[in-house]
N, C-alpha and C. Protein backbone atom coordinates (compact mmCIF):
# COMPACT_ATOMS: atom_id res chain seq x y z
N MET A 1 81.11 101.34 99.44
CA MET A 1 81.75 102.62 99.93
C MET A 1 83.60 101.70 100.12
N PHE A 2 83.08 101.38 100.96
CA PHE A 2 84.75 100.66 102.28
C PHE A 2 84.30 99.03 101.94
N LYS A 3 85.48 98.35 101.60
CA LYS A 3 85.63 96.68 101.30
C LYS A 3 86.54 96.30 102.48
N ARG A 4 87.68 97.15 103.83
CA ARG A 4 88.13 96.47 104.30
C ARG A 4 88.08 97.64 105.35
N ILE A 5 87.88 97.07 106.90
CA ILE A 5 87.83 98.32 107.86
C ILE A 5 89.05 97.98 108.79
N MET A 6 89.76 97.98 108.96
CA MET A 6 91.09 98.05 110.46
C MET A 6 90.62 98.46 111.38
N VAL A 7 90.67 97.61 112.30
CA VAL A 7 90.53 98.23 113.38
C VAL A 7 91.54 97.71 114.45
N PRO A 8 91.96 98.53 114.88
CA PRO A 8 92.89 98.76 115.63
C PRO A 8 93.11 98.00 117.20
N VAL A 9 93.20 96.69 118.03
CA VAL A 9 92.79 96.66 118.61
C VAL A 9 93.80 96.30 120.27
N ASP A 10 93.90 96.75 121.14
CA ASP A 10 94.37 96.19 122.51
C ASP A 10 93.47 95.31 123.11
N LEU A 11 94.09 93.68 123.46
CA LEU A 11 93.53 92.90 123.61
C LEU A 11 93.78 93.00 125.56
N ALA A 12 94.81 94.00 126.09
CA ALA A 12 94.69 94.16 127.24
C ALA A 12 93.55 94.85 127.68
N HIS A 13 93.23 96.04 126.74
CA HIS A 13 92.18 96.97 127.33
C HIS A 13 90.81 96.83 126.52
N VAL A 14 90.16 96.05 126.36
CA VAL A 14 89.28 95.22 124.83
C VAL A 14 87.53 95.84 125.75
N ASP A 15 88.17 96.10 127.34
CA ASP A 15 86.46 97.19 127.70
C ASP A 15 86.49 98.58 126.89
N ARG A 16 87.87 98.94 126.51
CA ARG A 16 87.45 100.62 126.00
C ARG A 16 87.41 100.73 124.77
N LEU A 17 86.90 99.51 123.77
CA LEU A 17 86.73 99.31 122.79
C LEU A 17 85.33 99.44 122.70
N ASN A 18 84.37 99.68 123.17
CA ASN A 18 82.80 99.13 122.87
C ASN A 18 83.02 99.57 122.00
N LYS A 19 82.80 101.43 121.84
CA LYS A 19 82.20 102.20 121.19
C LYS A 19 82.64 102.27 119.69
N ALA A 20 83.70 101.63 119.59
CA ALA A 20 84.89 101.39 118.19
C ALA A 20 84.31 100.26 117.42
N LEU A 21 83.83 99.72 118.20
CA LEU A 21 83.41 97.99 117.58
C LEU A 21 82.71 97.81 117.35
N THR A 22 81.55 98.67 118.21
CA THR A 22 80.21 98.80 117.54
C THR A 22 80.18 99.70 116.38
N CYS A 23 80.76 100.43 116.47
CA CYS A 23 81.04 101.42 114.81
C CYS A 23 81.01 101.01 113.72
N ALA A 24 82.68 100.31 113.43
CA ALA A 24 82.95 99.39 112.93
C ALA A 24 82.16 98.37 112.11
N ALA A 25 81.25 97.60 113.01
CA ALA A 25 81.08 96.67 112.88
C ALA A 25 79.09 96.92 112.19
N ASP A 26 79.03 98.10 112.51
CA ASP A 26 77.77 98.67 111.57
C ASP A 26 78.05 99.57 110.65
N MET A 27 78.88 99.95 110.38
CA MET A 27 79.80 100.09 109.04
C MET A 27 79.51 98.88 108.32
N ALA A 28 80.07 98.13 108.85
CA ALA A 28 80.59 97.00 108.21
C ALA A 28 79.26 96.10 107.30
N LYS A 29 78.43 96.26 108.24
CA LYS A 29 76.81 95.68 107.82
C LYS A 29 76.47 96.51 106.84
N GLN A 30 76.60 98.33 106.94
CA GLN A 30 76.19 98.92 106.15
C GLN A 30 76.45 98.63 104.14
N HIS A 31 77.84 98.12 104.86
CA HIS A 31 78.63 98.51 103.12
C HIS A 31 79.10 97.27 102.71
N GLY A 32 78.74 96.23 103.72
CA GLY A 32 78.71 95.02 103.07
C GLY A 32 80.63 94.62 102.87
N SER A 33 81.34 95.46 104.30
CA SER A 33 82.61 94.97 104.40
C SER A 33 83.06 94.15 105.05
N GLU A 34 84.67 93.96 104.84
CA GLU A 34 85.04 93.20 106.12
C GLU A 34 85.86 93.41 107.05
N VAL A 35 85.75 92.88 108.47
CA VAL A 35 86.54 93.81 109.41
C VAL A 35 87.50 93.07 109.57
N VAL A 36 88.89 94.18 109.70
CA VAL A 36 90.12 92.95 110.19
C VAL A 36 90.82 93.78 111.37
N TYR A 37 90.92 92.87 112.87
CA TYR A 37 91.07 93.47 113.64
C TYR A 37 92.66 93.19 113.35
N VAL A 38 93.62 94.51 113.61
CA VAL A 38 94.58 94.61 114.28
C VAL A 38 95.53 94.62 115.49
N GLY A 39 96.31 93.61 116.01
CA GLY A 39 96.76 93.65 117.18
C GLY A 39 98.38 93.77 117.21
N VAL A 40 99.18 94.63 117.93
CA VAL A 40 100.83 94.89 118.07
C VAL A 40 101.03 94.03 119.13
N SER A 41 101.74 93.61 119.41
CA SER A 41 102.55 92.73 120.50
C SER A 41 104.30 92.56 120.36
N ALA A 42 104.62 92.72 121.63
CA ALA A 42 106.04 92.76 121.97
C ALA A 42 106.42 91.10 121.30
N ALA A 43 107.84 90.46 121.58
CA ALA A 43 108.13 89.57 121.35
C ALA A 43 108.19 88.51 122.58
N THR A 44 108.19 89.53 123.70
CA THR A 44 108.51 89.13 124.93
C THR A 44 107.13 89.04 125.32
N PRO A 45 107.19 87.88 126.42
CA PRO A 45 105.53 87.67 127.03
C PRO A 45 104.96 89.21 128.11
N THR A 46 103.89 89.17 127.57
CA THR A 46 102.99 90.48 128.02
C THR A 46 101.87 90.10 129.18
N SER A 47 101.69 91.06 129.45
CA SER A 47 100.01 90.68 130.36
C SER A 47 98.77 89.46 129.40
N VAL A 48 98.83 89.84 128.00
CA VAL A 48 98.19 89.35 127.78
C VAL A 48 98.41 87.73 127.27
N ALA A 49 99.59 88.03 126.04
CA ALA A 49 100.49 86.41 125.75
C ALA A 49 101.88 85.68 126.06
N HIS A 50 102.32 84.99 125.92
CA HIS A 50 103.43 84.79 126.63
C HIS A 50 104.10 84.66 125.36
N ASN A 51 103.88 84.66 124.31
CA ASN A 51 104.74 84.63 122.85
C ASN A 51 103.88 85.07 121.64
N PRO A 52 104.24 85.53 120.44
CA PRO A 52 104.07 86.28 119.63
C PRO A 52 102.43 84.94 118.92
N GLU A 53 102.92 83.79 119.07
CA GLU A 53 101.96 82.92 118.27
C GLU A 53 100.81 82.87 119.02
N GLU A 54 100.89 82.91 120.51
CA GLU A 54 99.55 82.85 121.46
C GLU A 54 99.06 84.22 121.27
N PHE A 55 99.49 84.91 121.33
CA PHE A 55 98.70 86.52 120.76
C PHE A 55 98.06 86.27 119.70
N ALA A 56 98.47 85.65 118.40
CA ALA A 56 97.89 85.67 117.11
C ALA A 56 96.75 84.52 117.28
N LYS A 57 96.74 83.38 118.16
CA LYS A 57 95.75 83.12 118.50
C LYS A 57 94.77 83.68 119.43
N LYS A 58 94.91 84.83 120.19
CA LYS A 58 93.95 85.17 120.97
C LYS A 58 93.37 86.33 119.92
N LEU A 59 94.22 86.99 119.33
CA LEU A 59 93.33 87.65 118.74
C LEU A 59 92.56 87.15 117.47
N GLU A 60 92.80 86.07 116.58
CA GLU A 60 91.87 85.55 116.31
C GLU A 60 90.58 85.17 116.71
N ALA A 61 91.17 84.77 118.05
CA ALA A 61 89.37 84.01 118.38
C ALA A 61 88.32 85.51 118.81
N PHE A 62 89.44 86.39 119.22
CA PHE A 62 88.75 87.64 119.34
C PHE A 62 87.64 88.32 118.09
N ALA A 63 88.65 88.02 117.29
CA ALA A 63 88.22 88.51 115.64
C ALA A 63 86.74 87.37 115.26
N VAL A 64 86.86 86.08 116.21
CA VAL A 64 85.76 85.16 115.43
C VAL A 64 84.80 85.66 116.22
N GLU A 65 84.79 85.81 117.47
CA GLU A 65 83.36 86.32 118.40
C GLU A 65 83.21 87.21 118.33
N GLN A 66 84.17 88.45 117.62
CA GLN A 66 83.54 89.81 117.23
C GLN A 66 82.56 89.75 115.98
N GLY A 67 82.59 88.35 114.80
CA GLY A 67 82.17 88.24 113.99
C GLY A 67 80.81 87.64 114.15
N GLN A 68 80.95 86.53 114.97
CA GLN A 68 79.32 86.12 115.13
C GLN A 68 78.79 86.77 116.10
N ALA A 69 79.40 87.55 116.76
CA ALA A 69 78.17 88.51 117.54
C ALA A 69 77.42 89.85 116.63
N SER A 70 78.48 90.42 115.84
CA SER A 70 77.84 91.30 114.54
C SER A 70 77.17 90.87 113.75
N GLY A 71 77.68 89.62 112.94
CA GLY A 71 77.45 89.22 112.11
C GLY A 71 77.42 89.61 110.70
N VAL A 72 78.74 90.31 110.85
CA VAL A 72 80.03 90.62 109.91
C VAL A 72 81.09 89.82 109.56
N THR A 73 81.60 89.53 108.25
CA THR A 73 82.71 88.54 108.39
C THR A 73 84.36 89.50 108.90
N THR A 74 85.35 88.77 109.72
CA THR A 74 86.02 89.40 110.98
C THR A 74 87.64 88.45 109.83
N THR A 75 88.32 89.04 109.46
CA THR A 75 89.73 88.31 110.61
C THR A 75 90.44 89.07 111.29
N ALA A 76 91.95 88.71 111.86
CA ALA A 76 93.03 89.02 112.20
C ALA A 76 94.37 89.18 111.80
N HIS A 77 94.56 90.25 111.93
CA HIS A 77 95.66 90.60 111.67
C HIS A 77 97.15 91.10 112.61
N ALA A 78 98.31 89.80 113.13
CA ALA A 78 99.08 90.27 114.88
C ALA A 78 100.01 90.32 113.79
N VAL A 79 100.24 91.61 114.59
CA VAL A 79 101.91 91.75 114.26
C VAL A 79 102.57 91.96 115.65
N THR A 80 104.24 91.61 115.64
CA THR A 80 104.96 92.06 116.09
C THR A 80 106.06 93.07 115.87
N SER A 81 106.40 93.43 117.30
CA SER A 81 106.90 95.16 117.13
C SER A 81 107.65 94.60 118.26
N HIS A 82 109.43 94.90 118.40
CA HIS A 82 110.31 94.99 119.42
C HIS A 82 109.87 95.96 120.15
N ASP A 83 109.09 96.86 119.99
CA ASP A 83 108.90 97.70 121.63
C ASP A 83 107.70 98.38 120.75
N PRO A 84 106.00 97.80 121.22
CA PRO A 84 105.72 98.53 121.07
C PRO A 84 104.62 99.98 121.26
N SER A 85 105.36 100.01 122.52
CA SER A 85 105.01 101.95 123.23
C SER A 85 105.50 102.60 122.00
N VAL A 86 106.28 102.25 121.23
CA VAL A 86 107.42 103.08 120.34
C VAL A 86 107.23 103.15 119.37
N ASP A 87 107.04 101.91 118.32
CA ASP A 87 106.75 101.31 116.94
C ASP A 87 104.92 101.55 117.14
N LEU A 88 104.15 102.18 117.70
CA LEU A 88 102.92 100.97 117.41
C LEU A 88 102.27 102.21 116.24
N ASP A 89 102.65 103.04 116.35
CA ASP A 89 101.64 104.52 114.69
C ASP A 89 102.77 104.35 113.81
N PRO A 90 103.94 103.63 113.93
CA PRO A 90 104.30 103.37 112.40
C PRO A 90 104.06 101.70 111.70
N THR A 91 103.99 101.40 112.98
CA THR A 91 102.89 99.32 112.80
C THR A 91 101.90 99.30 112.38
N LEU A 92 100.69 100.37 113.10
CA LEU A 92 99.49 100.32 112.24
C LEU A 92 99.29 101.02 111.00
N LEU A 93 100.35 102.36 110.40
CA LEU A 93 100.68 102.79 109.54
C LEU A 93 100.76 101.57 108.22
N LYS A 94 101.75 100.94 108.77
CA LYS A 94 102.10 100.26 107.69
C LYS A 94 101.17 98.63 107.77
N ALA A 95 100.26 98.15 108.61
CA ALA A 95 99.22 97.16 108.86
C ALA A 95 98.13 97.70 107.59
N VAL A 96 97.89 99.03 107.45
CA VAL A 96 96.97 99.73 106.80
C VAL A 96 97.14 98.89 105.13
N ASP A 97 98.27 99.05 104.92
CA ASP A 97 98.99 98.26 103.48
C ASP A 97 98.86 96.85 103.66
N GLU A 98 99.41 96.66 104.44
CA GLU A 98 98.77 94.53 104.84
C GLU A 98 98.27 94.39 104.27
N THR A 99 97.30 94.47 104.82
CA THR A 99 95.56 94.30 105.12
C THR A 99 94.56 94.51 104.12
N GLY A 100 95.23 95.84 103.53
CA GLY A 100 94.76 96.52 102.40
C GLY A 100 93.14 97.42 102.81
N ALA A 101 93.35 97.24 103.80
CA ALA A 101 91.90 98.62 104.19
C ALA A 101 92.00 99.55 103.31
N ASP A 102 90.65 100.20 103.36
CA ASP A 102 90.70 101.70 102.91
C ASP A 102 89.45 102.64 103.60
N LEU A 103 89.50 102.31 104.98
CA LEU A 103 88.58 102.40 106.22
C LEU A 103 89.25 102.21 107.67
N VAL A 104 89.93 103.13 108.61
CA VAL A 104 90.49 102.96 110.04
C VAL A 104 89.32 103.18 110.98
N VAL A 105 88.77 102.12 111.94
CA VAL A 105 88.18 102.85 112.36
C VAL A 105 88.66 102.04 114.05
N MET A 106 89.14 103.69 114.47
CA MET A 106 89.65 102.96 116.01
C MET A 106 89.29 104.26 117.30
N ALA A 107 89.52 103.73 118.56
CA ALA A 107 89.03 103.84 119.66
C ALA A 107 90.00 105.21 119.74
N SER A 108 89.53 106.32 120.76
CA SER A 108 90.72 107.78 121.48
C SER A 108 90.40 107.65 122.83
N HIS A 109 90.56 108.15 123.35
CA HIS A 109 90.49 108.87 124.81
C HIS A 109 90.50 110.25 124.83
N ILE A 110 90.24 110.54 126.11
CA ILE A 110 90.00 112.36 126.12
C ILE A 110 90.69 113.12 126.34
N PRO A 111 90.99 113.75 125.26
CA PRO A 111 92.84 114.31 125.83
C PRO A 111 93.28 114.61 126.77
N ASN A 112 93.98 115.16 126.90
CA ASN A 112 94.55 115.70 128.24
C ASN A 112 96.24 116.16 127.97
N VAL A 113 96.36 117.14 128.49
CA VAL A 113 97.38 117.74 128.69
C VAL A 113 99.01 117.32 128.00
N THR A 114 99.40 115.69 128.09
CA THR A 114 100.01 115.36 127.41
C THR A 114 100.04 115.32 125.83
N ASP A 115 98.58 115.20 125.52
CA ASP A 115 98.40 115.38 124.18
C ASP A 115 99.34 116.59 123.57
N TYR A 116 99.26 117.71 123.90
CA TYR A 116 99.93 118.73 123.51
C TYR A 116 101.46 118.40 123.47
N ILE A 117 102.39 117.88 123.77
CA ILE A 117 103.69 117.09 124.03
C ILE A 117 103.66 116.33 123.13
N TRP A 118 102.90 114.98 123.00
CA TRP A 118 102.85 113.76 122.35
C TRP A 118 101.44 113.50 121.27
N PRO A 119 101.50 113.78 120.25
CA PRO A 119 100.13 113.47 119.49
C PRO A 119 99.61 112.37 119.76
N SER A 120 98.45 111.83 119.76
CA SER A 120 98.24 110.28 120.20
C SER A 120 97.81 109.58 118.98
N ASN A 121 97.81 108.41 119.37
CA ASN A 121 97.83 107.12 118.18
C ASN A 121 96.68 107.79 117.33
N GLY A 122 95.51 108.04 117.70
CA GLY A 122 94.00 108.09 116.50
C GLY A 122 94.35 109.19 115.62
N GLY A 123 95.77 110.79 115.83
CA GLY A 123 95.89 111.78 115.26
C GLY A 123 97.04 111.32 114.63
N THR A 124 98.17 110.89 114.85
CA THR A 124 99.15 110.54 114.07
C THR A 124 98.55 109.97 112.47
N ILE A 125 97.94 108.35 113.26
CA ILE A 125 97.13 107.52 112.12
C ILE A 125 96.12 108.41 111.31
N ALA A 126 95.66 109.17 111.75
CA ALA A 126 93.99 110.16 110.96
C ALA A 126 95.28 111.27 109.99
N GLY A 127 96.54 111.77 110.42
CA GLY A 127 97.34 112.47 109.61
C GLY A 127 98.36 111.79 108.98
N HIS A 128 98.41 111.03 109.29
CA HIS A 128 99.48 110.35 107.78
C HIS A 128 99.08 109.20 107.33
N ALA A 129 97.65 108.46 106.89
CA ALA A 129 97.24 107.66 106.78
C ALA A 129 97.05 107.62 105.26
N LYS A 130 96.70 106.75 104.45
CA LYS A 130 96.25 107.33 103.07
C LYS A 130 95.42 106.66 102.71
N VAL A 131 94.35 106.26 103.88
CA VAL A 131 92.78 105.70 103.52
C VAL A 131 91.95 107.20 104.77
N SER A 132 90.83 107.27 104.47
CA SER A 132 90.31 107.63 105.14
C SER A 132 89.84 106.86 107.20
N VAL A 133 90.09 107.60 107.97
CA VAL A 133 90.08 107.31 109.39
C VAL A 133 89.35 108.01 110.93
N LEU A 134 88.58 106.67 110.97
CA LEU A 134 87.20 107.77 112.07
C LEU A 134 87.43 106.86 113.26
N VAL A 135 88.56 108.04 114.42
CA VAL A 135 88.28 107.77 115.64
C VAL A 135 87.15 108.05 116.29
N VAL A 136 87.08 107.35 117.26
CA VAL A 136 85.89 107.28 117.73
C VAL A 136 85.97 107.62 119.34
N ARG A 137 85.56 108.67 120.21
CA ARG A 137 85.85 108.57 121.52
C ARG A 137 84.68 108.46 122.26
């Protein structure tokens, strides 16, 4: 049913992604799909990496580790953004096309009052992606 599952990941907060990572791996096993982990970073130094090349290597290592742990085929797709806090949603929507994903599995957060002012990333992706989106809370 699904050939490539895109999973947006924030390497600075991997501990909050467990349910979404498990869900994506389980779906990949069920459908014989590949999982592509997409990470967005700035060109400037961050808490995760000093530069885009280092970020891409860390994302690749994360993908390999996830593939070995889950037994599914995984790849990484690192994207550099001028300001990930502002450009995250359009960058992720573009990554859906770039990766050829036909499903997006992404983690969400417990809604709070700011969600009435600013839409969540998961809500925006689900509302605008041309593919199915599963938001895991």
